[in-house]
């Protein structure tokens, strides 16, 4: 039997690690989202069940293989979502 004690979970959403990582969640100035509170609690509990767990953000453009697999699973393999650029003034 194998046990994992120090996993790293990667996401292309910068929002989740900021919300779920307990040290940052406590100091976050963002408003809580009531309908997601139970999911955040569950994610924190799962992360805390490991000796040490890391939840980290990887930008989509640096993880194109995983992005392509996720799009294929959702039936979006040929579609690319393009967000309008934000121009600085």
C-alpha atoms as a PDB file:
ATOM      1  CA  UNK A   1       0.000   0.000   0.000  1.00  0.00           C
ATOM      2  CA  UNK A   2       1.250   3.489  -0.843  1.00  0.00           C
ATOM      3  CA  UNK A   3       0.635   6.669   1.083  1.00  0.00           C
ATOM      4  CA  UNK A   4       1.010  10.195  -0.228  1.00  0.00           C
ATOM      5  CA  UNK A   5       2.113  12.642   2.425  1.00  0.00           C
ATOM      6  CA  UNK A   6       3.268  15.746   0.497  1.00  0.00           C
ATOM      7  CA  UNK A   7       1.162  16.195  -2.663  1.00  0.00           C
ATOM      8  CA  UNK A   8       1.157  19.262  -4.890  1.00  0.00           C
ATOM      9  CA  UNK A   9      -2.092  20.190  -6.602  1.00  0.00           C
ATOM     10  CA  UNK A  10      -1.879  22.531  -9.574  1.00  0.00           C
ATOM     11  CA  UNK A  11      -4.656  24.657 -11.047  1.00  0.00           C
ATOM     12  CA  UNK A  12      -4.864  27.192 -13.843  1.00  0.00           C
ATOM     13  CA  UNK A  13      -7.156  29.296 -11.682  1.00  0.00           C
ATOM     14  CA  UNK A  14      -5.241  31.834  -9.578  1.00  0.00           C
ATOM     15  CA  UNK A  15      -8.400  32.374  -7.543  1.00  0.00           C
ATOM     16  CA  UNK A  16      -8.641  28.918  -5.923  1.00  0.00           C
ATOM     17  CA  UNK A  17      -5.238  28.783  -4.235  1.00  0.00           C
ATOM     18  CA  UNK A  18      -5.781  32.248  -2.759  1.00  0.00           C
ATOM     19  CA  UNK A  19      -9.166  31.218  -1.382  1.00  0.00           C
ATOM     20  CA  UNK A  20      -8.388  27.692  -0.215  1.00  0.00           C
ATOM     21  CA  UNK A  21      -4.891  28.025   1.245  1.00  0.00           C
ATOM     22  CA  UNK A  22      -5.720  28.536   4.894  1.00  0.00           C
ATOM     23  CA  UNK A  23      -2.921  31.006   5.646  1.00  0.00           C
ATOM     24  CA  UNK A  24      -4.027  33.303   2.855  1.00  0.00           C
ATOM     25  CA  UNK A  25      -7.763  32.765   3.317  1.00  0.00           C
ATOM     26  CA  UNK A  26      -7.649  34.209   6.818  1.00  0.00           C
ATOM     27  CA  UNK A  27      -5.940  37.374   5.636  1.00  0.00           C
ATOM     28  CA  UNK A  28      -7.925  37.760   2.433  1.00  0.00           C
ATOM     29  CA  UNK A  29      -9.864  40.978   2.041  1.00  0.00           C
ATOM     30  CA  UNK A  30     -12.166  39.426  -0.558  1.00  0.00           C
ATOM     31  CA  UNK A  31     -15.785  38.914   0.422  1.00  0.00           C
ATOM     32  CA  UNK A  32     -16.724  35.316   1.251  1.00  0.00           C
ATOM     33  CA  UNK A  33     -18.969  33.496  -1.208  1.00  0.00           C
ATOM     34  CA  UNK A  34     -21.670  31.774   0.868  1.00  0.00           C
ATOM     35  CA  UNK A  35     -22.665  29.169  -1.746  1.00  0.00           C
ATOM     36  CA  UNK A  36     -19.034  27.998  -2.009  1.00  0.00           C
ATOM     37  CA  UNK A  37     -18.203  28.059   1.705  1.00  0.00           C
ATOM     38  CA  UNK A  38     -18.789  24.332   2.188  1.00  0.00           C
ATOM     39  CA  UNK A  39     -16.552  23.530  -0.795  1.00  0.00           C
ATOM     40  CA  UNK A  40     -13.756  25.716   0.593  1.00  0.00           C
ATOM     41  CA  UNK A  41     -14.127  24.012   3.976  1.00  0.00           C
ATOM     42  CA  UNK A  42     -13.992  20.573   2.351  1.00  0.00           C
ATOM     43  CA  UNK A  43     -10.930  21.513   0.260  1.00  0.00           C
ATOM     44  CA  UNK A  44      -9.142  22.876   3.349  1.00  0.00           C
ATOM     45  CA  UNK A  45      -9.982  19.720   5.313  1.00  0.00           C
ATOM     46  CA  UNK A  46      -8.629  17.515   2.516  1.00  0.00           C
ATOM     47  CA  UNK A  47      -5.430  19.581   2.264  1.00  0.00           C
ATOM     48  CA  UNK A  48      -5.008  19.432   6.042  1.00  0.00           C
ATOM     49  CA  UNK A  49      -5.314  15.631   5.978  1.00  0.00           C
ATOM     50  CA  UNK A  50      -1.807  15.447   4.448  1.00  0.00           C
ATOM     51  CA  UNK A  51       1.445  16.034   6.308  1.00  0.00           C
ATOM     52  CA  UNK A  52       2.106  18.882   3.904  1.00  0.00           C
ATOM     53  CA  UNK A  53       0.063  19.730   0.813  1.00  0.00           C
ATOM     54  CA  UNK A  54       0.524  22.498  -1.694  1.00  0.00           C
ATOM     55  CA  UNK A  55      -2.113  24.081  -3.913  1.00  0.00           C
ATOM     56  CA  UNK A  56      -0.449  26.169  -6.581  1.00  0.00           C
ATOM     57  CA  UNK A  57      -1.391  28.243  -9.588  1.00  0.00           C
ATOM     58  CA  UNK A  58       0.086  27.571 -13.023  1.00  0.00           C
ATOM     59  CA  UNK A  59      -0.907  30.031 -15.762  1.00  0.00           C
ATOM     60  CA  UNK A  60      -2.784  28.413 -18.647  1.00  0.00           C
ATOM     61  CA  UNK A  61      -0.187  29.513 -21.183  1.00  0.00           C
ATOM     62  CA  UNK A  62       2.468  27.583 -19.212  1.00  0.00           C
ATOM     63  CA  UNK A  63       0.373  24.434 -18.998  1.00  0.00           C
ATOM     64  CA  UNK A  64      -0.962  24.011 -22.519  1.00  0.00           C
ATOM     65  CA  UNK A  65      -1.021  20.195 -22.401  1.00  0.00           C
ATOM     66  CA  UNK A  66      -3.306  20.104 -19.337  1.00  0.00           C
ATOM     67  CA  UNK A  67      -5.429  22.897 -20.808  1.00  0.00           C
ATOM     68  CA  UNK A  68      -5.860  20.897 -24.032  1.00  0.00           C
ATOM     69  CA  UNK A  69      -6.836  17.755 -22.068  1.00  0.00           C
ATOM     70  CA  UNK A  70      -9.380  19.699 -20.017  1.00  0.00           C
ATOM     71  CA  UNK A  71     -10.864  21.281 -23.158  1.00  0.00           C
ATOM     72  CA  UNK A  72     -11.077  17.873 -24.844  1.00  0.00           C
ATOM     73  CA  UNK A  73     -12.878  16.429 -21.804  1.00  0.00           C
ATOM     74  CA  UNK A  74     -15.389  19.271 -21.981  1.00  0.00           C
ATOM     75  CA  UNK A  75     -15.852  18.896 -25.737  1.00  0.00           C
ATOM     76  CA  UNK A  76     -14.086  22.188 -26.391  1.00  0.00           C
ATOM     77  CA  UNK A  77     -10.968  20.768 -28.055  1.00  0.00           C
ATOM     78  CA  UNK A  78     -11.232  22.956 -31.148  1.00  0.00           C
ATOM     79  CA  UNK A  79     -12.498  26.053 -29.355  1.00  0.00           C
ATOM     80  CA  UNK A  80     -10.309  28.620 -27.716  1.00  0.00           C
ATOM     81  CA  UNK A  81     -11.828  31.100 -25.312  1.00  0.00           C
ATOM     82  CA  UNK A  82     -10.333  34.498 -25.990  1.00  0.00           C
ATOM     83  CA  UNK A  83     -10.710  37.190 -23.399  1.00  0.00           C
ATOM     84  CA  UNK A  84     -10.488  40.815 -24.472  1.00  0.00           C
ATOM     85  CA  UNK A  85      -7.181  42.361 -23.522  1.00  0.00           C
ATOM     86  CA  UNK A  86      -7.065  45.026 -20.882  1.00  0.00           C
ATOM     87  CA  UNK A  87      -5.140  47.998 -22.125  1.00  0.00           C
ATOM     88  CA  UNK A  88      -3.302  50.084 -19.599  1.00  0.00           C
ATOM     89  CA  UNK A  89      -3.516  53.786 -19.909  1.00  0.00           C
END
